[in-house]
Amino acid sequence: MQREKRYSELSEYELKQEIATLNEKAKKAEQMGMVNEFAVLERKMAMAKAYLINPDDFKPGEIYEVEGDNGSFFKIDYMNGVFAWGYRLNGDGREEALPISLLKKLEQNQE
């Protein structure tokens, strides 16, 4: 039995195929009212998308908007692979990790 590859082991093409498949499954889950299944598939898509982005584009100390959570901002303390570790500015100050695909650059961060 062949084990399933990790996202980190997939090529760009394979990642895009996986994202398309997950997107189709998510649409079906949403149409069928399967809220929990939809949320899981959305999270998997975010993880796969993170591997298509260069982590070097995200800098500790900078603030990013959190995709899908309007008005929520995230300050990066440090990077670990495709995860940004830090805290939400409007949160309770607890450290958390977000896949970089969920972070959107603010205008002042762009060069």
C-alpha atoms as a PDB file:
ATOM      1  CA  MET A   1       0.000   0.000   0.000  1.00  0.00           C
ATOM      2  CA  GLN A   2       1.423   3.351  -1.030  1.00  0.00           C
ATOM      3  CA  ARG A   3       1.339   6.133   1.533  1.00  0.00           C
ATOM      4  CA  GLU A   4      -0.186   9.454   0.633  1.00  0.00           C
ATOM      5  CA  LYS A   5       2.351  12.194  -0.095  1.00  0.00           C
ATOM      6  CA  ARG A   6       2.612  15.198   2.176  1.00  0.00           C
ATOM      7  CA  TYR A   7       1.902  18.589   0.658  1.00  0.00           C
ATOM      8  CA  SER A   8       5.576  19.449   1.121  1.00  0.00           C
ATOM      9  CA  GLU A   9       6.473  16.545  -1.184  1.00  0.00           C
ATOM     10  CA  LEU A  10       4.120  17.503  -4.022  1.00  0.00           C
ATOM     11  CA  SER A  11       5.127  19.391  -7.149  1.00  0.00           C
ATOM     12  CA  GLU A  12       3.476  22.688  -8.047  1.00  0.00           C
ATOM     13  CA  TYR A  13       1.286  20.869 -10.579  1.00  0.00           C
ATOM     14  CA  GLU A  14       0.243  18.237  -8.024  1.00  0.00           C
ATOM     15  CA  LEU A  15      -0.574  20.930  -5.471  1.00  0.00           C
ATOM     16  CA  LYS A  16      -2.778  22.773  -7.967  1.00  0.00           C
ATOM     17  CA  GLN A  17      -4.560  19.490  -8.808  1.00  0.00           C
ATOM     18  CA  GLU A  18      -5.105  18.818  -5.092  1.00  0.00           C
ATOM     19  CA  ILE A  19      -6.488  22.336  -4.557  1.00  0.00           C
ATOM     20  CA  ALA A  20      -8.906  21.897  -7.479  1.00  0.00           C
ATOM     21  CA  THR A  21     -10.091  18.543  -6.087  1.00  0.00           C
ATOM     22  CA  LEU A  22     -10.536  19.976  -2.595  1.00  0.00           C
ATOM     23  CA  ASN A  23     -12.407  22.957  -4.037  1.00  0.00           C
ATOM     24  CA  GLU A  24     -14.883  20.659  -5.806  1.00  0.00           C
ATOM     25  CA  LYS A  25     -15.407  18.613  -2.637  1.00  0.00           C
ATOM     26  CA  ALA A  26     -15.901  21.813  -0.620  1.00  0.00           C
ATOM     27  CA  LYS A  27     -18.550  23.090  -3.044  1.00  0.00           C
ATOM     28  CA  LYS A  28     -20.434  19.795  -2.771  1.00  0.00           C
ATOM     29  CA  ALA A  29     -20.181  19.800   1.035  1.00  0.00           C
ATOM     30  CA  GLU A  30     -21.470  23.384   1.158  1.00  0.00           C
ATOM     31  CA  GLN A  31     -24.400  22.550  -1.143  1.00  0.00           C
ATOM     32  CA  MET A  32     -25.306  19.575   1.031  1.00  0.00           C
ATOM     33  CA  GLY A  33     -25.153  21.676   4.203  1.00  0.00           C
ATOM     34  CA  MET A  34     -22.210  19.746   5.632  1.00  0.00           C
ATOM     35  CA  VAL A  35     -20.724  22.670   7.544  1.00  0.00           C
ATOM     36  CA  ASN A  36     -18.006  20.734   9.383  1.00  0.00           C
ATOM     37  CA  GLU A  37     -16.849  18.919   6.237  1.00  0.00           C
ATOM     38  CA  PHE A  38     -16.761  22.242   4.381  1.00  0.00           C
ATOM     39  CA  ALA A  39     -14.600  23.805   7.123  1.00  0.00           C
ATOM     40  CA  VAL A  40     -12.136  20.890   7.033  1.00  0.00           C
ATOM     41  CA  LEU A  41     -11.812  21.091   3.246  1.00  0.00           C
ATOM     42  CA  GLU A  42     -11.313  24.873   3.379  1.00  0.00           C
ATOM     43  CA  ARG A  43      -8.491  24.361   5.888  1.00  0.00           C
ATOM     44  CA  LYS A  44      -6.874  21.684   3.706  1.00  0.00           C
ATOM     45  CA  MET A  45      -7.015  24.057   0.722  1.00  0.00           C
ATOM     46  CA  ALA A  46      -5.330  26.778   2.778  1.00  0.00           C
ATOM     47  CA  MET A  47      -2.560  24.346   3.710  1.00  0.00           C
ATOM     48  CA  ALA A  48      -2.017  23.232   0.097  1.00  0.00           C
ATOM     49  CA  LYS A  49      -1.990  26.847  -1.110  1.00  0.00           C
ATOM     50  CA  ALA A  50       0.637  27.723   1.520  1.00  0.00           C
ATOM     51  CA  TYR A  51       3.108  25.415  -0.244  1.00  0.00           C
ATOM     52  CA  LEU A  52       2.716  27.439  -3.450  1.00  0.00           C
ATOM     53  CA  ILE A  53       3.883  30.627  -1.700  1.00  0.00           C
ATOM     54  CA  ASN A  54       7.451  31.633  -0.875  1.00  0.00           C
ATOM     55  CA  PRO A  55       7.796  31.859   2.944  1.00  0.00           C
ATOM     56  CA  ASP A  56      10.650  34.354   2.467  1.00  0.00           C
ATOM     57  CA  ASP A  57       8.026  36.906   1.378  1.00  0.00           C
ATOM     58  CA  PHE A  58       6.738  37.042   4.972  1.00  0.00           C
ATOM     59  CA  LYS A  59       8.794  38.941   7.521  1.00  0.00           C
ATOM     60  CA  PRO A  60       8.785  38.776  11.322  1.00  0.00           C
ATOM     61  CA  GLY A  61       7.609  42.043  12.839  1.00  0.00           C
ATOM     62  CA  GLU A  62       5.267  42.848   9.948  1.00  0.00           C
ATOM     63  CA  ILE A  63       1.484  42.925  10.194  1.00  0.00           C
ATOM     64  CA  TYR A  64      -0.826  41.134   7.761  1.00  0.00           C
ATOM     65  CA  GLU A  65      -4.569  40.957   7.313  1.00  0.00           C
ATOM     66  CA  VAL A  66      -6.107  37.527   7.950  1.00  0.00           C
ATOM     67  CA  GLU A  67      -7.964  36.269   4.840  1.00  0.00           C
ATOM     68  CA  GLY A  68     -11.584  35.407   5.503  1.00  0.00           C
ATOM     69  CA  ASP A  69     -11.617  37.269   8.818  1.00  0.00           C
ATOM     70  CA  ASN A  70     -12.299  40.894   7.904  1.00  0.00           C
ATOM     71  CA  GLY A  71     -10.754  43.402  10.246  1.00  0.00           C
ATOM     72  CA  SER A  72      -8.466  40.809  11.821  1.00  0.00           C
ATOM     73  CA  PHE A  73      -4.734  41.506  11.706  1.00  0.00           C
ATOM     74  CA  PHE A  74      -1.824  39.218  12.514  1.00  0.00           C
ATOM     75  CA  LYS A  75       1.694  40.214  13.591  1.00  0.00           C
ATOM     76  CA  ILE A  76       4.404  37.671  12.783  1.00  0.00           C
ATOM     77  CA  ASP A  77       6.922  36.862  15.505  1.00  0.00           C
ATOM     78  CA  TYR A  78       8.751  34.175  13.537  1.00  0.00           C
ATOM     79  CA  MET A  79       8.413  31.816  10.590  1.00  0.00           C
ATOM     80  CA  ASN A  80       8.566  28.017  10.643  1.00  0.00           C
ATOM     81  CA  GLY A  81       8.216  26.558   7.162  1.00  0.00           C
ATOM     82  CA  VAL A  82       4.917  27.685   5.647  1.00  0.00           C
ATOM     83  CA  PHE A  83       3.560  28.742   9.043  1.00  0.00           C
ATOM     84  CA  ALA A  84       3.711  32.231  10.483  1.00  0.00           C
ATOM     85  CA  TRP A  85       3.806  32.245  14.279  1.00  0.00           C
ATOM     86  CA  GLY A  86       2.551  35.301  16.107  1.00  0.00           C
ATOM     87  CA  TYR A  87      -0.665  36.796  17.431  1.00  0.00           C
ATOM     88  CA  ARG A  88      -3.818  38.548  16.295  1.00  0.00           C
ATOM     89  CA  LEU A  89      -3.796  42.254  17.099  1.00  0.00           C
ATOM     90  CA  ASN A  90      -7.462  42.202  18.063  1.00  0.00           C
ATOM     91  CA  GLY A  91      -7.184  38.853  19.860  1.00  0.00           C
ATOM     92  CA  ASP A  92      -6.321  37.772  23.372  1.00  0.00           C
ATOM     93  CA  GLY A  93      -2.553  37.902  22.792  1.00  0.00           C
ATOM     94  CA  ARG A  94      -2.073  34.139  22.653  1.00  0.00           C
ATOM     95  CA  GLU A  95       0.511  32.862  20.186  1.00  0.00           C
ATOM     96  CA  GLU A  96      -0.833  30.911  17.232  1.00  0.00           C
ATOM     97  CA  ALA A  97       0.341  29.637  13.866  1.00  0.00           C
ATOM     98  CA  LEU A  98      -1.360  30.425  10.565  1.00  0.00           C
ATOM     99  CA  PRO A  99      -0.552  29.023   7.141  1.00  0.00           C
ATOM    100  CA  ILE A 100       0.932  31.860   5.080  1.00  0.00           C
ATOM    101  CA  SER A 101      -1.836  31.427   2.496  1.00  0.00           C
ATOM    102  CA  LEU A 102      -4.226  33.009   5.018  1.00  0.00           C
ATOM    103  CA  LEU A 103      -2.132  36.166   5.326  1.00  0.00           C
ATOM    104  CA  LYS A 104      -2.694  39.126   3.033  1.00  0.00           C
ATOM    105  CA  LYS A 105      -0.090  41.862   2.723  1.00  0.00           C
ATOM    106  CA  LEU A 106      -1.096  45.327   3.805  1.00  0.00           C
ATOM    107  CA  GLU A 107      -0.332  48.253   1.515  1.00  0.00           C
ATOM    108  CA  GLN A 108       2.418  49.580   3.816  1.00  0.00           C
ATOM    109  CA  ASN A 109       4.170  46.160   3.815  1.00  0.00           C
ATOM    110  CA  GLN A 110       4.506  46.098   0.047  1.00  0.00           C
ATOM    111  CA  GLU A 111       7.722  47.325  -1.494  1.00  0.00           C
END
